[in-house]
Amino acid sequence: MRNSIFTILIAAIALTGCRDEKSASLSTNEISFTKEATGYLIKKATRDTIQTLEVEIADTDYDIQTGLMYRTSMNNDQAMLFVFKEEQELSFYMKNTQIALDIIYLKADGTIVSFVENAKPMDETLLPSAGPAQYALEIKAGLAEKWGLDVGDVFVWE
């Protein structure tokens, strides 16, 4: 009887130690872009539209904290807009963000306060605004320069 219990115990340990290779690795679904608004970057001096963007909005605590983390791609005409309750000094970082980004800080009226160009993926260095901002707009790295964005230009959305 003792040998039978011992044999069953050894068999149980052996079976729990065996795993199917497919079940050992976890897979995650790609996080897809969700258009929630249309945005327009407007040149202050001429009032001309610089660029039209499809915008995903991050306005809940979870969405603001997660942002574009874990995403692997983004189109040139897509952006994420972070919405805060009031103007304040903002600071972002690129933890778990795999896409290089330009971060544009905006006042309550949509005027560009400052921007950070070419934020490096996965970098946890803080990237602060140059003044109080209520919004942050993230676009693919290099586009702020390509589009000729300047402090004082405006972002509006509908």
C-alpha atoms as a PDB file:
ATOM      1  CA  MET A   1       0.000   0.000   0.000  1.00  0.00           C
ATOM      2  CA  ARG A   2       2.845   2.383   0.852  1.00  0.00           C
ATOM      3  CA  ASN A   3       4.492   1.683  -2.485  1.00  0.00           C
ATOM      4  CA  SER A   4       1.209   2.325  -4.308  1.00  0.00           C
ATOM      5  CA  ILE A   5       0.776   5.744  -2.669  1.00  0.00           C
ATOM      6  CA  PHE A   6       4.420   6.573  -3.367  1.00  0.00           C
ATOM      7  CA  THR A   7       4.028   5.526  -7.018  1.00  0.00           C
ATOM      8  CA  ILE A   8       0.873   7.619  -7.422  1.00  0.00           C
ATOM      9  CA  LEU A   9       2.616  10.614  -5.820  1.00  0.00           C
ATOM     10  CA  ILE A  10       5.631  10.333  -8.147  1.00  0.00           C
ATOM     11  CA  ALA A  11       3.338   9.976 -11.190  1.00  0.00           C
ATOM     12  CA  ALA A  12       1.358  13.071 -10.143  1.00  0.00           C
ATOM     13  CA  ILE A  13       4.543  15.135  -9.743  1.00  0.00           C
ATOM     14  CA  ALA A  14       5.839  13.943 -13.108  1.00  0.00           C
ATOM     15  CA  LEU A  15       2.583  14.805 -14.871  1.00  0.00           C
ATOM     16  CA  THR A  16       2.382  18.305 -13.391  1.00  0.00           C
ATOM     17  CA  GLY A  17       5.956  18.947 -14.468  1.00  0.00           C
ATOM     18  CA  CYS A  18       5.195  18.089 -18.100  1.00  0.00           C
ATOM     19  CA  ARG A  19       3.797  20.931 -20.178  1.00  0.00           C
ATOM     20  CA  ASP A  20       2.818  21.224 -23.724  1.00  0.00           C
ATOM     21  CA  GLU A  21       5.169  23.767 -25.340  1.00  0.00           C
ATOM     22  CA  LYS A  22       2.236  25.585 -26.943  1.00  0.00           C
ATOM     23  CA  SER A  23       0.529  26.226 -23.599  1.00  0.00           C
ATOM     24  CA  ALA A  24       3.778  27.362 -21.966  1.00  0.00           C
ATOM     25  CA  SER A  25       4.025  30.523 -24.063  1.00  0.00           C
ATOM     26  CA  LEU A  26       1.525  33.329 -23.685  1.00  0.00           C
ATOM     27  CA  SER A  27       0.198  35.219 -26.648  1.00  0.00           C
ATOM     28  CA  THR A  28      -1.430  38.612 -26.604  1.00  0.00           C
ATOM     29  CA  ASN A  29      -3.733  40.241 -29.072  1.00  0.00           C
ATOM     30  CA  GLU A  30      -2.501  43.241 -31.006  1.00  0.00           C
ATOM     31  CA  ILE A  31      -4.006  46.427 -29.585  1.00  0.00           C
ATOM     32  CA  SER A  32      -5.709  48.152 -32.472  1.00  0.00           C
ATOM     33  CA  PHE A  33      -6.235  51.849 -33.049  1.00  0.00           C
ATOM     34  CA  THR A  34      -9.738  53.161 -32.346  1.00  0.00           C
ATOM     35  CA  LYS A  35     -10.682  56.405 -34.096  1.00  0.00           C
ATOM     36  CA  GLU A  36     -12.769  58.519 -31.709  1.00  0.00           C
ATOM     37  CA  ALA A  37     -12.331  61.974 -33.243  1.00  0.00           C
ATOM     38  CA  THR A  38     -10.889  63.885 -36.166  1.00  0.00           C
ATOM     39  CA  GLY A  39      -8.174  66.395 -35.331  1.00  0.00           C
ATOM     40  CA  TYR A  40      -6.569  69.259 -37.208  1.00  0.00           C
ATOM     41  CA  LEU A  41      -3.147  70.772 -36.676  1.00  0.00           C
ATOM     42  CA  ILE A  42      -3.403  74.425 -37.723  1.00  0.00           C
ATOM     43  CA  LYS A  43      -0.604  76.892 -38.463  1.00  0.00           C
ATOM     44  CA  LYS A  44      -1.077  79.902 -36.205  1.00  0.00           C
ATOM     45  CA  ALA A  45       0.278  82.489 -38.645  1.00  0.00           C
ATOM     46  CA  THR A  46      -1.774  81.462 -41.692  1.00  0.00           C
ATOM     47  CA  ARG A  47      -4.654  79.513 -40.091  1.00  0.00           C
ATOM     48  CA  ASP A  48      -4.002  76.815 -42.714  1.00  0.00           C
ATOM     49  CA  THR A  49      -4.517  73.155 -41.803  1.00  0.00           C
ATOM     50  CA  ILE A  50      -1.122  71.489 -41.567  1.00  0.00           C
ATOM     51  CA  GLN A  51      -2.430  67.960 -41.079  1.00  0.00           C
ATOM     52  CA  THR A  52      -5.699  66.097 -40.486  1.00  0.00           C
ATOM     53  CA  LEU A  53      -5.468  63.222 -37.996  1.00  0.00           C
ATOM     54  CA  GLU A  54      -7.549  60.288 -36.845  1.00  0.00           C
ATOM     55  CA  VAL A  55      -7.526  60.585 -33.055  1.00  0.00           C
ATOM     56  CA  GLU A  56      -7.872  58.032 -30.286  1.00  0.00           C
ATOM     57  CA  ILE A  57      -8.708  59.681 -26.959  1.00  0.00           C
ATOM     58  CA  ALA A  58      -7.228  58.722 -23.583  1.00  0.00           C
ATOM     59  CA  ASP A  59      -9.405  60.370 -20.943  1.00  0.00           C
ATOM     60  CA  THR A  60      -9.780  57.736 -18.211  1.00  0.00           C
ATOM     61  CA  ASP A  61      -7.099  56.981 -15.624  1.00  0.00           C
ATOM     62  CA  TYR A  62      -6.468  53.584 -17.200  1.00  0.00           C
ATOM     63  CA  ASP A  63      -6.242  54.945 -20.764  1.00  0.00           C
ATOM     64  CA  ILE A  64      -3.961  57.801 -19.685  1.00  0.00           C
ATOM     65  CA  GLN A  65      -1.635  55.442 -17.813  1.00  0.00           C
ATOM     66  CA  THR A  66      -1.553  52.899 -20.652  1.00  0.00           C
ATOM     67  CA  GLY A  67      -1.513  55.237 -23.665  1.00  0.00           C
ATOM     68  CA  LEU A  68       0.287  53.670 -26.619  1.00  0.00           C
ATOM     69  CA  MET A  69       2.086  51.058 -24.504  1.00  0.00           C
ATOM     70  CA  TYR A  70       2.420  47.604 -26.049  1.00  0.00           C
ATOM     71  CA  ARG A  71       1.480  48.756 -29.540  1.00  0.00           C
ATOM     72  CA  THR A  72       3.807  47.883 -32.371  1.00  0.00           C
ATOM     73  CA  SER A  73       2.680  50.238 -35.122  1.00  0.00           C
ATOM     74  CA  MET A  74       0.981  53.539 -35.829  1.00  0.00           C
ATOM     75  CA  ASN A  75       0.099  55.291 -39.085  1.00  0.00           C
ATOM     76  CA  ASN A  76       1.273  58.806 -39.959  1.00  0.00           C
ATOM     77  CA  ASP A  77      -2.317  60.075 -39.873  1.00  0.00           C
ATOM     78  CA  GLN A  78      -3.066  58.665 -36.404  1.00  0.00           C
ATOM     79  CA  ALA A  79      -2.611  60.275 -32.996  1.00  0.00           C
ATOM     80  CA  MET A  80      -3.498  59.692 -29.374  1.00  0.00           C
ATOM     81  CA  LEU A  81      -4.858  62.645 -27.410  1.00  0.00           C
ATOM     82  CA  PHE A  82      -4.460  62.575 -23.618  1.00  0.00           C
ATOM     83  CA  VAL A  83      -7.097  64.651 -21.835  1.00  0.00           C
ATOM     84  CA  PHE A  84      -6.518  66.006 -18.319  1.00  0.00           C
ATOM     85  CA  LYS A  85      -9.034  67.810 -16.098  1.00  0.00           C
ATOM     86  CA  GLU A  86      -7.063  71.077 -15.968  1.00  0.00           C
ATOM     87  CA  GLU A  87      -3.856  72.727 -17.099  1.00  0.00           C
ATOM     88  CA  GLN A  88      -0.811  71.513 -15.182  1.00  0.00           C
ATOM     89  CA  GLU A  89       2.819  70.671 -15.715  1.00  0.00           C
ATOM     90  CA  LEU A  90       2.726  67.361 -17.593  1.00  0.00           C
ATOM     91  CA  SER A  91       5.449  64.766 -17.910  1.00  0.00           C
ATOM     92  CA  PHE A  92       5.399  61.574 -19.958  1.00  0.00           C
ATOM     93  CA  TYR A  93       7.791  58.657 -20.397  1.00  0.00           C
ATOM     94  CA  MET A  94       8.074  55.802 -22.873  1.00  0.00           C
ATOM     95  CA  LYS A  95       7.906  52.771 -20.574  1.00  0.00           C
ATOM     96  CA  ASN A  96       6.573  49.766 -22.527  1.00  0.00           C
ATOM     97  CA  THR A  97       6.049  51.961 -25.597  1.00  0.00           C
ATOM     98  CA  GLN A  98       7.549  50.294 -28.655  1.00  0.00           C
ATOM     99  CA  ILE A  99       6.965  53.135 -31.145  1.00  0.00           C
ATOM    100  CA  ALA A 100       9.205  56.231 -31.271  1.00  0.00           C
ATOM    101  CA  LEU A 101       6.974  59.277 -30.759  1.00  0.00           C
ATOM    102  CA  ASP A 102       6.740  63.055 -30.850  1.00  0.00           C
ATOM    103  CA  ILE A 103       4.801  64.325 -27.822  1.00  0.00           C
ATOM    104  CA  ILE A 104       3.015  67.642 -28.273  1.00  0.00           C
ATOM    105  CA  TYR A 105       1.833  69.467 -25.139  1.00  0.00           C
ATOM    106  CA  LEU A 106      -1.249  71.678 -25.570  1.00  0.00           C
ATOM    107  CA  LYS A 107      -2.913  74.397 -23.492  1.00  0.00           C
ATOM    108  CA  ALA A 108      -6.638  74.238 -22.702  1.00  0.00           C
ATOM    109  CA  ASP A 109      -7.380  76.128 -25.941  1.00  0.00           C
ATOM    110  CA  GLY A 110      -5.316  73.677 -28.032  1.00  0.00           C
ATOM    111  CA  THR A 111      -2.294  75.961 -28.484  1.00  0.00           C
ATOM    112  CA  ILE A 112       1.032  74.095 -28.587  1.00  0.00           C
ATOM    113  CA  VAL A 113       2.993  74.843 -25.392  1.00  0.00           C
ATOM    114  CA  SER A 114       5.976  72.658 -26.252  1.00  0.00           C
ATOM    115  CA  PHE A 115       6.863  69.339 -27.781  1.00  0.00           C
ATOM    116  CA  VAL A 116       9.362  66.537 -27.363  1.00  0.00           C
ATOM    117  CA  GLU A 117      10.652  65.116 -30.614  1.00  0.00           C
ATOM    118  CA  ASN A 118      11.832  61.550 -31.201  1.00  0.00           C
ATOM    119  CA  ALA A 119      11.055  60.112 -27.765  1.00  0.00           C
ATOM    120  CA  LYS A 120      12.909  56.803 -27.611  1.00  0.00           C
ATOM    121  CA  PRO A 121      10.949  53.560 -27.259  1.00  0.00           C
ATOM    122  CA  MET A 122      11.064  51.870 -23.837  1.00  0.00           C
ATOM    123  CA  ASP A 123      12.953  54.819 -22.240  1.00  0.00           C
ATOM    124  CA  GLU A 124      11.769  55.776 -18.751  1.00  0.00           C
ATOM    125  CA  THR A 125      13.317  59.260 -18.802  1.00  0.00           C
ATOM    126  CA  LEU A 126      10.718  61.891 -17.896  1.00  0.00           C
ATOM    127  CA  LEU A 127       9.753  64.156 -20.804  1.00  0.00           C
ATOM    128  CA  PRO A 128       8.130  67.271 -19.278  1.00  0.00           C
ATOM    129  CA  SER A 129       6.089  70.048 -20.850  1.00  0.00           C
ATOM    130  CA  ALA A 130       7.686  73.518 -20.934  1.00  0.00           C
ATOM    131  CA  GLY A 131       4.665  74.970 -19.144  1.00  0.00           C
ATOM    132  CA  PRO A 132       1.153  74.149 -17.991  1.00  0.00           C
ATOM    133  CA  ALA A 133      -0.779  71.983 -20.456  1.00  0.00           C
ATOM    134  CA  GLN A 134      -4.169  70.263 -20.394  1.00  0.00           C
ATOM    135  CA  TYR A 135      -3.583  67.911 -23.309  1.00  0.00           C
ATOM    136  CA  ALA A 136      -0.797  65.828 -24.790  1.00  0.00           C
ATOM    137  CA  LEU A 137      -0.901  64.635 -28.394  1.00  0.00           C
ATOM    138  CA  GLU A 138       1.285  61.704 -29.431  1.00  0.00           C
ATOM    139  CA  ILE A 139       2.222  61.207 -33.083  1.00  0.00           C
ATOM    140  CA  LYS A 140       4.877  59.125 -34.818  1.00  0.00           C
ATOM    141  CA  ALA A 141       8.416  60.381 -34.303  1.00  0.00           C
ATOM    142  CA  GLY A 142       9.691  62.819 -36.919  1.00  0.00           C
ATOM    143  CA  LEU A 143       6.294  64.150 -37.964  1.00  0.00           C
ATOM    144  CA  ALA A 144       6.449  67.357 -35.862  1.00  0.00           C
ATOM    145  CA  GLU A 145       9.567  68.363 -37.802  1.00  0.00           C
ATOM    146  CA  LYS A 146       8.234  67.121 -41.143  1.00  0.00           C
ATOM    147  CA  TRP A 147       5.028  69.127 -40.710  1.00  0.00           C
ATOM    148  CA  GLY A 148       6.916  72.205 -39.456  1.00  0.00           C
ATOM    149  CA  LEU A 149       5.076  72.448 -36.134  1.00  0.00           C
ATOM    150  CA  ASP A 150       5.904  75.402 -33.899  1.00  0.00           C
ATOM    151  CA  VAL A 151       4.998  76.521 -30.402  1.00  0.00           C
ATOM    152  CA  GLY A 152       1.845  78.601 -30.834  1.00  0.00           C
ATOM    153  CA  ASP A 153       0.355  76.427 -33.582  1.00  0.00           C
ATOM    154  CA  VAL A 154      -3.038  74.948 -32.677  1.00  0.00           C
ATOM    155  CA  PHE A 155      -4.688  71.535 -32.470  1.00  0.00           C
ATOM    156  CA  VAL A 156      -8.510  71.265 -32.612  1.00  0.00           C
ATOM    157  CA  TRP A 157     -10.695  68.184 -32.803  1.00  0.00           C
ATOM    158  CA  GLU A 158     -14.299  67.172 -33.283  1.00  0.00           C
END
